[in-house]
C-alpha atoms as a PDB file:
ATOM      1  CA  UNK A   1      17.302  25.513   2.777  1.00  0.00           C
ATOM      2  CA  UNK A   2      19.101  23.548   0.056  1.00  0.00           C
ATOM      3  CA  UNK A   3      19.283  19.801   0.478  1.00  0.00           C
ATOM      4  CA  UNK A   4      22.820  18.487   0.871  1.00  0.00           C
ATOM      5  CA  UNK A   5      24.158  16.085  -1.746  1.00  0.00           C
ATOM      6  CA  UNK A   6      24.158  12.421  -0.838  1.00  0.00           C
ATOM      7  CA  UNK A   7      27.407  10.986   0.435  1.00  0.00           C
ATOM      8  CA  UNK A   8      29.221   8.112  -1.235  1.00  0.00           C
ATOM      9  CA  UNK A   9      28.193   6.028   1.764  1.00  0.00           C
ATOM     10  CA  UNK A  10      24.475   6.132   1.023  1.00  0.00           C
ATOM     11  CA  UNK A  11      22.376   2.975   1.024  1.00  0.00           C
ATOM     12  CA  UNK A  12      18.886   2.548  -0.449  1.00  0.00           C
ATOM     13  CA  UNK A  13      16.787   0.256   1.762  1.00  0.00           C
ATOM     14  CA  UNK A  14      13.768  -1.284   0.013  1.00  0.00           C
ATOM     15  CA  UNK A  15      11.281  -2.576   2.564  1.00  0.00           C
ATOM     16  CA  UNK A  16       8.989  -5.575   1.946  1.00  0.00           C
ATOM     17  CA  UNK A  17       8.386  -5.243  -1.799  1.00  0.00           C
ATOM     18  CA  UNK A  18       7.293  -8.877  -1.921  1.00  0.00           C
ATOM     19  CA  UNK A  19       4.681 -11.045  -3.560  1.00  0.00           C
ATOM     20  CA  UNK A  20       3.196 -11.475  -0.059  1.00  0.00           C
ATOM     21  CA  UNK A  21       2.001  -7.871  -0.216  1.00  0.00           C
ATOM     22  CA  UNK A  22       1.605  -7.437  -3.971  1.00  0.00           C
ATOM     23  CA  UNK A  23      -0.705 -10.394  -4.527  1.00  0.00           C
ATOM     24  CA  UNK A  24      -4.170 -11.294  -3.270  1.00  0.00           C
ATOM     25  CA  UNK A  25      -3.292 -12.335   0.268  1.00  0.00           C
ATOM     26  CA  UNK A  26      -4.738 -11.079   3.544  1.00  0.00           C
ATOM     27  CA  UNK A  27      -1.905  -8.533   3.518  1.00  0.00           C
ATOM     28  CA  UNK A  28      -2.477  -7.316  -0.030  1.00  0.00           C
ATOM     29  CA  UNK A  29      -1.196  -3.754  -0.377  1.00  0.00           C
ATOM     30  CA  UNK A  30      -2.524  -2.273  -3.639  1.00  0.00           C
ATOM     31  CA  UNK A  31      -0.202   0.735  -3.330  1.00  0.00           C
ATOM     32  CA  UNK A  32       2.712  -1.479  -4.383  1.00  0.00           C
ATOM     33  CA  UNK A  33       1.604  -1.206  -8.010  1.00  0.00           C
ATOM     34  CA  UNK A  34       1.663   2.591  -7.800  1.00  0.00           C
ATOM     35  CA  UNK A  35       5.071   2.933  -6.154  1.00  0.00           C
ATOM     36  CA  UNK A  36       6.904   0.132  -7.967  1.00  0.00           C
ATOM     37  CA  UNK A  37       8.128   2.320 -10.868  1.00  0.00           C
ATOM     38  CA  UNK A  38       9.816   4.725  -8.423  1.00  0.00           C
ATOM     39  CA  UNK A  39      11.255   1.955  -6.240  1.00  0.00           C
ATOM     40  CA  UNK A  40      12.589   0.382  -9.409  1.00  0.00           C
ATOM     41  CA  UNK A  41      14.071   3.672 -10.642  1.00  0.00           C
ATOM     42  CA  UNK A  42      15.987   4.144  -7.386  1.00  0.00           C
ATOM     43  CA  UNK A  43      17.127   0.522  -7.343  1.00  0.00           C
ATOM     44  CA  UNK A  44      18.268   0.499 -10.967  1.00  0.00           C
ATOM     45  CA  UNK A  45      20.130   3.786 -10.584  1.00  0.00           C
ATOM     46  CA  UNK A  46      22.367   2.385  -7.829  1.00  0.00           C
ATOM     47  CA  UNK A  47      21.936  -1.414  -7.708  1.00  0.00           C
ATOM     48  CA  UNK A  48      25.147  -1.958  -5.734  1.00  0.00           C
ATOM     49  CA  UNK A  49      23.986   0.577  -3.142  1.00  0.00           C
ATOM     50  CA  UNK A  50      20.547  -1.005  -2.687  1.00  0.00           C
ATOM     51  CA  UNK A  51      19.420  -3.737  -0.326  1.00  0.00           C
ATOM     52  CA  UNK A  52      16.081  -5.493  -0.371  1.00  0.00           C
ATOM     53  CA  UNK A  53      14.449  -6.352   2.932  1.00  0.00           C
ATOM     54  CA  UNK A  54      11.950  -9.210   3.138  1.00  0.00           C
ATOM     55  CA  UNK A  55       9.401  -9.818   5.881  1.00  0.00           C
ATOM     56  CA  UNK A  56       9.610 -13.543   6.649  1.00  0.00           C
ATOM     57  CA  UNK A  57       6.581 -15.205   8.225  1.00  0.00           C
ATOM     58  CA  UNK A  58       6.741 -18.374  10.358  1.00  0.00           C
ATOM     59  CA  UNK A  59       5.513 -21.818   9.396  1.00  0.00           C
ATOM     60  CA  UNK A  60       2.631 -21.324  11.837  1.00  0.00           C
ATOM     61  CA  UNK A  61       1.716 -19.291  14.904  1.00  0.00           C
ATOM     62  CA  UNK A  62       3.338 -21.732  17.312  1.00  0.00           C
ATOM     63  CA  UNK A  63       6.692 -21.257  15.582  1.00  0.00           C
ATOM     64  CA  UNK A  64       6.596 -17.526  16.344  1.00  0.00           C
ATOM     65  CA  UNK A  65       8.135 -16.058  19.485  1.00  0.00           C
ATOM     66  CA  UNK A  66       6.378 -14.396  22.408  1.00  0.00           C
ATOM     67  CA  UNK A  67       3.435 -12.159  21.532  1.00  0.00           C
ATOM     68  CA  UNK A  68       4.047 -12.811  17.840  1.00  0.00           C
ATOM     69  CA  UNK A  69       2.192 -16.083  18.480  1.00  0.00           C
ATOM     70  CA  UNK A  70      -0.999 -14.079  19.118  1.00  0.00           C
ATOM     71  CA  UNK A  71      -0.328 -11.991  16.045  1.00  0.00           C
ATOM     72  CA  UNK A  72      -0.036 -15.009  13.788  1.00  0.00           C
ATOM     73  CA  UNK A  73      -3.052 -16.696  15.332  1.00  0.00           C
ATOM     74  CA  UNK A  74      -4.956 -13.707  14.001  1.00  0.00           C
ATOM     75  CA  UNK A  75      -3.095 -13.777  10.664  1.00  0.00           C
ATOM     76  CA  UNK A  76      -2.806 -17.558  10.238  1.00  0.00           C
ATOM     77  CA  UNK A  77      -3.710 -17.190   6.545  1.00  0.00           C
ATOM     78  CA  UNK A  78      -0.296 -15.661   5.810  1.00  0.00           C
ATOM     79  CA  UNK A  79       1.776 -18.319   7.577  1.00  0.00           C
ATOM     80  CA  UNK A  80       3.650 -20.910   5.543  1.00  0.00           C
ATOM     81  CA  UNK A  81       1.169 -23.574   6.594  1.00  0.00           C
ATOM     82  CA  UNK A  82      -1.294 -21.692   4.374  1.00  0.00           C
ATOM     83  CA  UNK A  83       0.895 -20.091   1.696  1.00  0.00           C
ATOM     84  CA  UNK A  84       3.703 -21.298  -0.532  1.00  0.00           C
ATOM     85  CA  UNK A  85       7.099 -19.967   0.545  1.00  0.00           C
ATOM     86  CA  UNK A  86       7.543 -18.331  -2.869  1.00  0.00           C
ATOM     87  CA  UNK A  87       5.206 -15.528  -1.729  1.00  0.00           C
ATOM     88  CA  UNK A  88       8.147 -14.276   0.308  1.00  0.00           C
ATOM     89  CA  UNK A  89      10.023 -13.543  -2.929  1.00  0.00           C
ATOM     90  CA  UNK A  90      10.555  -9.994  -4.123  1.00  0.00           C
ATOM     91  CA  UNK A  91       8.190  -8.798  -6.830  1.00  0.00           C
ATOM     92  CA  UNK A  92       9.550  -9.834 -10.219  1.00  0.00           C
ATOM     93  CA  UNK A  93      11.096  -6.534 -11.417  1.00  0.00           C
ATOM     94  CA  UNK A  94      13.094  -6.195  -8.197  1.00  0.00           C
ATOM     95  CA  UNK A  95      14.000  -9.878  -7.983  1.00  0.00           C
ATOM     96  CA  UNK A  96      15.585  -9.508 -11.412  1.00  0.00           C
ATOM     97  CA  UNK A  97      18.063  -6.905 -10.166  1.00  0.00           C
ATOM     98  CA  UNK A  98      18.719  -8.144  -6.617  1.00  0.00           C
ATOM     99  CA  UNK A  99      22.342  -9.261  -6.539  1.00  0.00           C
ATOM    100  CA  UNK A 100      24.119 -11.732  -4.251  1.00  0.00           C
ATOM    101  CA  UNK A 101      24.064 -10.540  -0.660  1.00  0.00           C
ATOM    102  CA  UNK A 102      21.556  -7.769  -1.371  1.00  0.00           C
ATOM    103  CA  UNK A 103      18.581  -9.448   0.345  1.00  0.00           C
ATOM    104  CA  UNK A 104      18.093  -9.118   4.100  1.00  0.00           C
ATOM    105  CA  UNK A 105      15.397 -11.100   5.899  1.00  0.00           C
ATOM    106  CA  UNK A 106      13.621  -9.967   9.043  1.00  0.00           C
ATOM    107  CA  UNK A 107      10.979 -11.509  11.291  1.00  0.00           C
ATOM    108  CA  UNK A 108       9.934  -8.235  12.916  1.00  0.00           C
ATOM    109  CA  UNK A 109       8.895  -4.774  11.775  1.00  0.00           C
ATOM    110  CA  UNK A 110      12.299  -3.099  11.856  1.00  0.00           C
ATOM    111  CA  UNK A 111      15.164  -4.238   9.661  1.00  0.00           C
ATOM    112  CA  UNK A 112      17.492  -3.270  12.502  1.00  0.00           C
ATOM    113  CA  UNK A 113      16.268  -6.387  14.343  1.00  0.00           C
ATOM    114  CA  UNK A 114      17.687  -8.548  11.548  1.00  0.00           C
ATOM    115  CA  UNK A 115      20.851 -10.249  12.853  1.00  0.00           C
ATOM    116  CA  UNK A 116      23.965  -8.489  11.642  1.00  0.00           C
ATOM    117  CA  UNK A 117      22.207  -5.616   9.878  1.00  0.00           C
ATOM    118  CA  UNK A 118      23.472  -2.823  12.131  1.00  0.00           C
ATOM    119  CA  UNK A 119      26.993  -4.296  12.021  1.00  0.00           C
ATOM    120  CA  UNK A 120      26.816  -4.466   8.233  1.00  0.00           C
ATOM    121  CA  UNK A 121      26.061  -0.749   8.079  1.00  0.00           C
ATOM    122  CA  UNK A 122      28.881   0.072  10.474  1.00  0.00           C
ATOM    123  CA  UNK A 123      31.391  -2.092   8.625  1.00  0.00           C
ATOM    124  CA  UNK A 124      30.537  -0.474   5.285  1.00  0.00           C
ATOM    125  CA  UNK A 125      30.773   3.063   6.678  1.00  0.00           C
ATOM    126  CA  UNK A 126      27.175   3.800   5.710  1.00  0.00           C
ATOM    127  CA  UNK A 127      26.041   7.216   6.937  1.00  0.00           C
ATOM    128  CA  UNK A 128      22.834   7.829   4.948  1.00  0.00           C
ATOM    129  CA  UNK A 129      19.781   5.618   4.461  1.00  0.00           C
ATOM    130  CA  UNK A 130      17.093   6.137   1.820  1.00  0.00           C
ATOM    131  CA  UNK A 131      13.887   4.226   2.513  1.00  0.00           C
ATOM    132  CA  UNK A 132      11.293   3.017   0.032  1.00  0.00           C
ATOM    133  CA  UNK A 133       8.666   0.267   0.077  1.00  0.00           C
ATOM    134  CA  UNK A 134       5.769  -0.786   2.293  1.00  0.00           C
ATOM    135  CA  UNK A 135       4.143  -0.252   4.657  1.00  0.00           C
ATOM    136  CA  UNK A 136       4.917   3.351   5.503  1.00  0.00           C
ATOM    137  CA  UNK A 137       3.193   3.201   8.882  1.00  0.00           C
ATOM    138  CA  UNK A 138       4.502  -0.202   9.984  1.00  0.00           C
ATOM    139  CA  UNK A 139       7.788  -1.752   8.807  1.00  0.00           C
ATOM    140  CA  UNK A 140       9.114   1.363   7.096  1.00  0.00           C
ATOM    141  CA  UNK A 141       8.397   3.629  10.055  1.00  0.00           C
ATOM    142  CA  UNK A 142       9.789   1.141  12.582  1.00  0.00           C
ATOM    143  CA  UNK A 143      13.013   0.904  10.568  1.00  0.00           C
ATOM    144  CA  UNK A 144      13.177   4.679  10.123  1.00  0.00           C
ATOM    145  CA  UNK A 145      12.916   5.325  13.854  1.00  0.00           C
ATOM    146  CA  UNK A 146      15.698   2.832  14.555  1.00  0.00           C
ATOM    147  CA  UNK A 147      17.825   4.524  11.887  1.00  0.00           C
ATOM    148  CA  UNK A 148      17.190   7.908  13.503  1.00  0.00           C
ATOM    149  CA  UNK A 149      18.115   6.527  16.918  1.00  0.00           C
ATOM    150  CA  UNK A 150      21.353   5.169  15.449  1.00  0.00           C
ATOM    151  CA  UNK A 151      22.234   8.629  14.101  1.00  0.00           C
ATOM    152  CA  UNK A 152      21.959   8.043  10.349  1.00  0.00           C
ATOM    153  CA  UNK A 153      20.886  10.676   7.872  1.00  0.00           C
ATOM    154  CA  UNK A 154      17.442   9.372   6.929  1.00  0.00           C
ATOM    155  CA  UNK A 155      15.582  10.137   3.712  1.00  0.00           C
ATOM    156  CA  UNK A 156      12.109   8.934   2.799  1.00  0.00           C
ATOM    157  CA  UNK A 157      11.383   8.577  -0.905  1.00  0.00           C
ATOM    158  CA  UNK A 158       7.907  10.053  -0.627  1.00  0.00           C
ATOM    159  CA  UNK A 159       6.555   8.753  -3.938  1.00  0.00           C
ATOM    160  CA  UNK A 160       8.146   5.323  -3.433  1.00  0.00           C
ATOM    161  CA  UNK A 161       6.297   4.527  -0.187  1.00  0.00           C
ATOM    162  CA  UNK A 162       2.843   3.070   0.307  1.00  0.00           C
ATOM    163  CA  UNK A 163       0.535   1.323   2.731  1.00  0.00           C
ATOM    164  CA  UNK A 164      -2.569  -0.798   2.882  1.00  0.00           C
ATOM    165  CA  UNK A 165      -4.011   2.097   4.879  1.00  0.00           C
ATOM    166  CA  UNK A 166      -3.247   5.286   3.002  1.00  0.00           C
ATOM    167  CA  UNK A 167      -4.667   7.417   5.844  1.00  0.00           C
ATOM    168  CA  UNK A 168      -2.026   5.925   8.109  1.00  0.00           C
ATOM    169  CA  UNK A 169       0.567   6.530   5.368  1.00  0.00           C
ATOM    170  CA  UNK A 170      -0.449  10.198   5.289  1.00  0.00           C
ATOM    171  CA  UNK A 171      -0.299  10.384   9.084  1.00  0.00           C
ATOM    172  CA  UNK A 172       3.357   9.344   8.953  1.00  0.00           C
ATOM    173  CA  UNK A 173       4.432  11.533   6.033  1.00  0.00           C
ATOM    174  CA  UNK A 174       2.351  14.611   6.895  1.00  0.00           C
ATOM    175  CA  UNK A 175       2.296  14.635  10.708  1.00  0.00           C
ATOM    176  CA  UNK A 176       4.763  12.264  12.406  1.00  0.00           C
ATOM    177  CA  UNK A 177       7.837  12.648  10.198  1.00  0.00           C
ATOM    178  CA  UNK A 178       7.654  16.471  10.044  1.00  0.00           C
ATOM    179  CA  UNK A 179       7.972  16.455  13.846  1.00  0.00           C
ATOM    180  CA  UNK A 180      11.471  15.038  13.314  1.00  0.00           C
ATOM    181  CA  UNK A 181      12.445  17.393  10.505  1.00  0.00           C
ATOM    182  CA  UNK A 182      16.002  17.783  11.813  1.00  0.00           C
ATOM    183  CA  UNK A 183      16.507  14.033  11.451  1.00  0.00           C
ATOM    184  CA  UNK A 184      14.272  12.852   8.594  1.00  0.00           C
ATOM    185  CA  UNK A 185      14.024  14.322   5.111  1.00  0.00           C
ATOM    186  CA  UNK A 186      11.186  13.638   2.690  1.00  0.00           C
ATOM    187  CA  UNK A 187      12.156  13.880  -0.974  1.00  0.00           C
ATOM    188  CA  UNK A 188      10.735  12.755  -4.301  1.00  0.00           C
ATOM    189  CA  UNK A 189      12.399  10.000  -6.281  1.00  0.00           C
ATOM    190  CA  UNK A 190      13.476  12.569  -8.854  1.00  0.00           C
ATOM    191  CA  UNK A 191      15.062  14.782  -6.204  1.00  0.00           C
ATOM    192  CA  UNK A 192      16.915  11.821  -4.694  1.00  0.00           C
ATOM    193  CA  UNK A 193      18.248  10.748  -8.079  1.00  0.00           C
ATOM    194  CA  UNK A 194      19.397  14.327  -8.761  1.00  0.00           C
ATOM    195  CA  UNK A 195      21.319  14.341  -5.474  1.00  0.00           C
ATOM    196  CA  UNK A 196      22.668  10.813  -5.861  1.00  0.00           C
ATOM    197  CA  UNK A 197      25.123  11.353  -8.667  1.00  0.00           C
ATOM    198  CA  UNK A 198      28.792  10.469  -8.778  1.00  0.00           C
END
């Protein structure tokens, strides 16, 4: 079955392509280096139709809410008591093209929990979301499921996704996502760019 062209109301959502994951922290995700060229290609092709989502950590575990306190007691080395806040910045090539208003911060796995994000999509008439970034099996997948629940056309840029656990990445792309084939498409960066033309 041929893949439908992308609508004019398509948004590319780049998840957590930050120094926090690219550099030698406890959350280092080596796959970022491999996927960055494809994330960059998608972002440069349609910079005004791209948003960059950042995972924002608390100052310390006690500043987190609810069970996130336990989480950050385990991962205290990535709180801002231990790291400089600049690690939350996008990796340099993406930071260079991120325009005003194109960065969305979140404190949880799904970008849909970021205040105002869902309303922003509704107000802009967005109907299609392309996801790239890290980690496939955590923040990307959480955001994807919320996008599916909200009724968006959802596309995963297969070669622009990665994880610190590539077995878990494969579990999502090869087993979990295909179960929702009516709602989630998996396409290469090249295929997305071919479909995403004026």
